[in-house]
Amino acid sequence: MLNRFFDYLRLERNSSERTLITYRDCLEKFQAFWSSREGELSWENMPSDVIRAWVVEMMDDGLKAATVSKCLSAVKAFYRYMLRMGYVDKDPARLIKAPKRERTLPGFISESEMDRLFEQVQFTPDYNGQRDRLLLLMLYTTGLRASELIGLNVEDVDTDQCQLKVTGKRNKQRIVPFGEELRRAIGHYLTLRGEAGEERAFFLNRRRARRINYNDLRQVTVSNLSLVTDQKKKSPHVLRHSFATAMLNHEGDLMSIKELLGHESVGTTEIYTHLVFEDLKKAYKKAHPRD
């Protein structure tokens, strides 16, 4: 049955090899768990309590909630398949809930470190150096996702109105304003960029032959942030977090930040309020004499 299930995932669901490996590992671990228990157990007569006991054991063993959830998802997918094929007449995993995942706070670069990046790091005056500086400045001052920045076209950048037309997730578009510093940097970059390469793409690679890709952007981000911060995470997405944190630190309105970031729910944006509060708690514990 397991082999037929994996054939189904591979051929009908077009699941990735990584998913197949993960699901097989989880199902084999669950099979080892119930095989070691007393009683005549099989995939076909599995009680819900046994699946629930397996989930509890994984949590007791110290596995992260995300790992436990992934394993439970494999079992749930297998029983949905079993039910569909008529191998079982009920799904014992259907009502079992996965443990709540830990909500990790995003990393960010401090304002003083970002000031150091734009005021003290010497970017070369040629096209490559000024493009790299603009990539970082635009990420930090607009909060764009990496894919949104890479996908910008020349016609999306309006320096007269100081705004960007951004295409986000599920092709939803929004308008993002920007300030005078970014306007000047854009004008200077366009002068150096000229009419080379893929004309519609706003950001071109170092040879000005095609649109930049994510690896280009990540390399620029990591190499330059390494000059000003010891923060472990230095991805383009960290600058999006840094934008949101800076906005909140300067009393930015949560709903406005939500719109700028292109979040569908304010609940997603609220994680940044937690980030700022954690920073305040650290400052309090460090400085208050009665702590």
Protein backbone atom coordinates (compact mmCIF):
# COMPACT_ATOMS: atom_id res chain seq x y z
CA MET A 1 0.00 0.00 0.00
CA LEU A 2 2.82 2.39 0.79
CA ASN A 3 4.40 1.77 -2.61
CA ARG A 4 1.07 2.35 -4.37
CA PHE A 5 0.63 5.54 -2.36
CA PHE A 6 4.02 6.85 -3.48
CA ASP A 7 3.26 5.94 -7.09
CA TYR A 8 0.07 7.98 -6.73
CA LEU A 9 1.97 10.97 -5.32
CA ARG A 10 4.60 10.79 -8.02
CA LEU A 11 2.41 10.12 -11.07
CA GLU A 12 -0.94 11.73 -10.26
CA ARG A 13 -0.05 14.48 -7.81
CA ASN A 14 3.32 15.27 -9.38
CA SER A 15 4.85 15.61 -5.92
CA SER A 16 8.49 16.59 -5.64
CA GLU A 17 11.20 14.08 -4.81
CA ARG A 18 11.78 15.94 -1.57
CA THR A 19 8.14 15.45 -0.55
CA LEU A 20 8.32 11.76 -1.39
CA ILE A 21 11.44 11.28 0.73
CA THR A 22 9.94 13.21 3.66
CA TYR A 23 6.62 11.34 3.55
CA ARG A 24 8.31 7.93 3.29
CA ASP A 25 10.53 8.72 6.27
CA CYS A 26 7.56 9.85 8.37
CA LEU A 27 5.36 6.90 7.46
CA GLU A 28 8.13 4.42 8.16
CA LYS A 29 8.68 6.03 11.57
CA PHE A 30 4.98 5.77 12.35
CA GLN A 31 4.94 2.15 11.21
CA ALA A 32 7.88 1.39 13.53
CA PHE A 33 5.95 3.08 16.35
CA TRP A 34 2.74 1.07 16.03
CA SER A 35 4.54 -2.17 15.16
CA SER A 36 6.22 -2.08 18.55
CA ARG A 37 2.93 -1.82 20.45
CA GLU A 38 0.87 -4.70 21.77
CA GLY A 39 -2.21 -5.82 19.88
CA GLU A 40 -3.04 -6.68 16.31
CA LEU A 41 -2.50 -3.34 14.61
CA SER A 42 -2.32 -2.64 10.90
CA TRP A 43 -2.76 0.32 8.58
CA GLU A 44 -6.35 -0.83 7.93
CA ASN A 45 -7.53 -1.01 11.56
CA MET A 46 -5.56 1.90 13.04
CA PRO A 47 -7.27 3.60 16.03
CA SER A 48 -7.06 7.37 16.25
CA ASP A 49 -5.61 7.05 19.75
CA VAL A 50 -2.47 5.37 18.41
CA ILE A 51 -1.82 8.23 15.98
CA ARG A 52 -2.44 10.72 18.78
CA ALA A 53 -0.03 8.82 21.06
CA TRP A 54 2.63 8.97 18.35
CA VAL A 55 2.21 12.75 18.09
CA VAL A 56 2.57 13.07 21.88
CA GLU A 57 5.67 10.88 21.90
CA MET A 58 7.34 13.02 19.22
CA MET A 59 6.61 16.17 21.22
CA ASP A 60 7.94 14.50 24.41
CA ASP A 61 11.11 13.58 22.52
CA GLY A 62 11.70 17.27 21.92
CA LEU A 63 10.90 17.43 18.22
CA LYS A 64 9.86 20.86 16.99
CA ALA A 65 6.20 21.47 16.30
CA ALA A 66 6.97 22.02 12.60
CA THR A 67 8.61 18.58 12.36
CA VAL A 68 5.72 16.88 14.17
CA SER A 69 3.20 18.65 11.94
CA LYS A 70 5.07 17.48 8.84
CA CYS A 71 4.95 13.86 10.03
CA LEU A 72 1.27 14.10 10.89
CA SER A 73 0.60 15.59 7.44
CA ALA A 74 2.19 12.51 5.85
CA VAL A 75 -0.10 10.19 7.83
CA LYS A 76 -3.15 12.30 7.02
CA ALA A 77 -2.29 12.28 3.30
CA PHE A 78 -1.84 8.50 3.37
CA TYR A 79 -5.22 7.92 5.02
CA ARG A 80 -6.99 10.26 2.63
CA TYR A 81 -5.57 8.13 -0.16
CA MET A 82 -6.58 4.91 1.63
CA LEU A 83 -10.13 6.20 2.07
CA ARG A 84 -10.35 7.28 -1.56
CA MET A 85 -9.17 3.87 -2.79
CA GLY A 86 -11.52 1.97 -0.49
CA TYR A 87 -8.79 0.34 1.63
CA VAL A 88 -10.41 1.78 4.79
CA ASP A 89 -13.95 2.92 5.51
CA LYS A 90 -12.99 5.77 7.85
CA ASP A 91 -10.03 8.10 8.30
CA PRO A 92 -8.52 7.74 11.81
CA ALA A 93 -6.25 10.78 11.34
CA ARG A 94 -8.92 13.25 10.21
CA LEU A 95 -9.70 14.84 13.58
CA ILE A 96 -6.19 14.84 15.01
CA LYS A 97 -4.80 18.35 15.27
CA ALA A 98 -1.19 19.25 14.72
CA PRO A 99 0.64 21.07 17.53
CA LYS A 100 0.81 24.83 17.24
CA ARG A 101 3.96 25.96 15.53
CA GLU A 102 6.32 28.29 17.30
CA ARG A 103 6.06 31.76 15.82
CA THR A 104 9.63 32.84 15.28
CA LEU A 105 10.43 36.53 15.22
CA PRO A 106 12.13 37.74 12.05
CA GLY A 107 15.66 39.03 12.20
CA PHE A 108 16.36 42.64 11.29
CA ILE A 109 19.25 45.07 10.87
CA SER A 110 19.32 47.98 13.32
CA GLU A 111 18.84 51.55 12.14
CA SER A 112 22.37 52.51 13.18
CA GLU A 113 23.80 49.64 11.11
CA MET A 114 21.72 50.65 8.09
CA ASP A 115 22.88 54.26 8.50
CA ARG A 116 26.45 53.00 8.49
CA LEU A 117 25.79 51.04 5.31
CA PHE A 118 24.54 54.04 3.33
CA GLU A 119 26.77 56.70 4.86
CA GLN A 120 30.12 54.98 5.40
CA VAL A 121 30.41 52.03 3.00
CA GLN A 122 32.19 53.10 -0.18
CA PHE A 123 30.15 51.91 -3.16
CA THR A 124 32.07 52.32 -6.42
CA PRO A 125 30.84 55.25 -8.56
CA ASP A 126 30.31 53.09 -11.67
CA TYR A 127 27.13 51.30 -12.75
CA ASN A 128 27.74 48.18 -10.65
CA GLY A 129 28.43 50.04 -7.41
CA GLN A 130 25.50 52.42 -7.76
CA ARG A 131 23.15 49.62 -8.77
CA ASP A 132 24.15 47.64 -5.67
CA ARG A 133 23.56 50.66 -3.43
CA LEU A 134 20.16 51.30 -5.02
CA LEU A 135 19.11 47.65 -4.60
CA LEU A 136 19.79 47.85 -0.87
CA LEU A 137 18.30 51.32 -0.45
CA MET A 138 15.10 50.34 -2.25
CA LEU A 139 14.65 47.19 -0.18
CA TYR A 140 15.16 49.11 3.06
CA THR A 141 13.04 52.17 2.24
CA THR A 142 10.09 50.42 0.58
CA GLY A 143 9.92 46.96 2.21
CA LEU A 144 9.51 45.16 -1.12
CA ARG A 145 9.81 41.41 -1.35
CA ALA A 146 12.83 40.17 -3.30
CA SER A 147 10.60 38.88 -6.11
CA GLU A 148 8.80 42.23 -6.32
CA LEU A 149 12.09 44.13 -6.60
CA ILE A 150 13.45 41.77 -9.25
CA GLY A 151 10.21 42.01 -11.22
CA LEU A 152 10.16 45.82 -11.42
CA ASN A 153 10.02 47.24 -14.92
CA VAL A 154 11.11 50.71 -15.98
CA GLU A 155 7.51 51.86 -16.39
CA ASP A 156 6.73 50.78 -12.81
CA VAL A 157 9.07 53.42 -11.36
CA ASP A 158 7.60 56.94 -11.33
CA THR A 159 10.15 59.50 -10.10
CA ASP A 160 7.76 62.43 -10.71
CA GLN A 161 5.14 61.05 -8.30
CA CYS A 162 7.77 59.22 -6.20
CA GLN A 163 5.96 55.89 -6.29
CA LEU A 164 6.39 52.30 -7.43
CA LYS A 165 3.76 50.09 -9.06
CA VAL A 166 4.48 46.73 -7.43
CA THR A 167 3.18 43.32 -8.51
CA GLY A 168 3.02 41.09 -5.43
CA LYS A 169 1.75 37.64 -4.58
CA ARG A 170 -0.99 36.25 -6.82
CA ASN A 171 -0.31 39.15 -9.21
CA LYS A 172 -1.93 41.66 -6.86
CA GLN A 173 -0.74 45.17 -7.56
CA ARG A 174 -0.20 48.01 -5.10
CA ILE A 175 1.34 51.47 -5.11
CA VAL A 176 4.31 52.06 -2.80
CA PRO A 177 5.54 55.64 -2.20
CA PHE A 178 9.18 56.57 -1.66
CA GLY A 179 11.18 59.60 -0.59
CA GLU A 180 13.64 62.10 -1.98
CA GLU A 181 16.78 60.10 -1.19
CA LEU A 182 15.55 57.14 -3.20
CA ARG A 183 14.35 59.43 -6.01
CA ARG A 184 17.84 60.91 -6.42
CA ALA A 185 19.46 57.46 -6.29
CA ILE A 186 17.08 56.16 -8.97
CA GLY A 187 17.84 59.10 -11.26
CA HIS A 188 21.58 58.59 -10.89
CA TYR A 189 21.27 54.85 -11.50
CA LEU A 190 19.20 55.32 -14.66
CA THR A 191 21.83 57.70 -16.06
CA LEU A 192 24.49 55.00 -15.59
CA ARG A 193 22.24 52.17 -16.73
CA GLY A 194 21.43 53.71 -20.11
CA GLU A 195 19.38 51.81 -22.69
CA ALA A 196 21.22 48.52 -22.43
CA GLY A 197 20.00 44.96 -22.08
CA GLU A 198 16.43 43.88 -21.49
CA GLU A 199 14.75 47.26 -21.88
CA ARG A 200 11.72 46.64 -19.64
CA ALA A 201 13.68 45.31 -16.65
CA PHE A 202 14.53 48.06 -14.17
CA PHE A 203 17.42 46.23 -12.49
CA LEU A 204 19.91 44.57 -14.82
CA ASN A 205 22.80 42.25 -14.10
CA ARG A 206 26.43 43.39 -14.04
CA ARG A 207 26.80 43.10 -17.83
CA ARG A 208 23.53 45.00 -18.29
CA ALA A 209 22.38 42.14 -20.53
CA ARG A 210 19.37 40.75 -18.62
CA ARG A 211 17.20 41.16 -15.55
CA ILE A 212 18.88 40.36 -12.24
CA ASN A 213 17.90 37.12 -10.53
CA TYR A 214 17.58 36.19 -6.87
CA ASN A 215 21.17 34.91 -6.63
CA ASP A 216 22.43 38.27 -7.91
CA LEU A 217 20.35 40.11 -5.30
CA ARG A 218 21.32 37.79 -2.46
CA GLN A 219 25.02 38.12 -3.23
CA VAL A 220 24.79 41.92 -3.15
CA THR A 221 22.84 41.82 0.11
CA VAL A 222 25.04 39.37 1.99
CA SER A 223 28.36 40.89 0.92
CA ASN A 224 27.38 44.45 1.84
CA LEU A 225 25.47 43.75 5.05
CA SER A 226 28.46 41.74 6.27
CA LEU A 227 30.37 45.02 6.36
CA VAL A 228 28.08 46.58 8.96
CA THR A 229 26.41 43.85 11.03
CA ASP A 230 27.03 40.57 12.86
CA GLN A 231 23.39 39.58 12.36
CA LYS A 232 23.42 35.95 11.14
CA LYS A 233 20.61 36.31 8.63
CA LYS A 234 21.52 38.72 5.85
CA SER A 235 19.04 37.82 3.14
CA PRO A 236 17.04 40.38 1.12
CA HIS A 237 14.00 39.43 3.23
CA VAL A 238 15.80 40.67 6.35
CA LEU A 239 15.73 44.18 4.86
CA ARG A 240 11.95 43.88 4.49
CA HIS A 241 11.78 43.09 8.21
CA SER A 242 14.14 45.99 8.90
CA PHE A 243 11.84 48.37 6.99
CA ALA A 244 8.78 47.30 8.99
CA THR A 245 10.63 47.49 12.30
CA ALA A 246 11.97 50.97 11.55
CA MET A 247 8.47 52.15 10.60
CA LEU A 248 7.03 50.89 13.90
CA ASN A 249 9.91 52.35 15.90
CA HIS A 250 9.00 55.74 14.44
CA GLU A 251 5.30 55.34 15.28
CA GLY A 252 4.16 54.15 11.87
CA ASP A 253 0.50 53.13 11.72
CA LEU A 254 0.05 49.35 11.64
CA MET A 255 -2.62 49.43 8.90
CA SER A 256 -0.44 51.67 6.73
CA ILE A 257 2.52 49.31 7.16
CA LYS A 258 0.23 46.41 6.22
CA GLU A 259 -0.66 48.14 2.94
CA LEU A 260 2.94 49.04 2.17
CA LEU A 261 4.09 45.45 2.73
CA GLY A 262 1.20 44.00 0.73
CA HIS A 263 -0.01 41.76 3.55
CA GLU A 264 -3.52 40.36 3.17
CA SER A 265 -4.10 40.26 6.93
CA VAL A 266 -3.04 42.71 9.63
CA GLY A 267 -2.29 39.62 11.73
CA THR A 268 0.77 39.00 9.55
CA THR A 269 1.96 42.55 10.13
CA GLU A 270 1.45 42.31 13.89
CA ILE A 271 4.49 40.04 14.24
CA TYR A 272 6.59 43.20 13.89
CA THR A 273 4.91 44.72 16.94
CA HIS A 274 6.05 41.62 18.85
CA LEU A 275 9.55 42.17 17.50
CA VAL A 276 9.61 45.78 18.72
CA PHE A 277 8.19 44.73 22.10
CA GLU A 278 10.88 42.08 22.52
CA ASP A 279 13.47 44.77 21.81
CA LEU A 280 11.88 46.98 24.47
CA LYS A 281 11.96 44.15 27.00
CA LYS A 282 15.67 43.60 26.38
CA ALA A 283 16.34 47.31 26.83
CA TYR A 284 14.33 47.35 30.06
CA LYS A 285 16.12 44.33 31.52
CA LYS A 286 19.47 45.84 30.61
CA ALA A 287 18.86 49.36 31.95
CA HIS A 288 16.25 49.38 34.71
CA PRO A 289 17.86 49.42 38.18
CA ARG A 290 15.05 47.40 39.80
CA ASP A 291 14.99 44.59 37.24
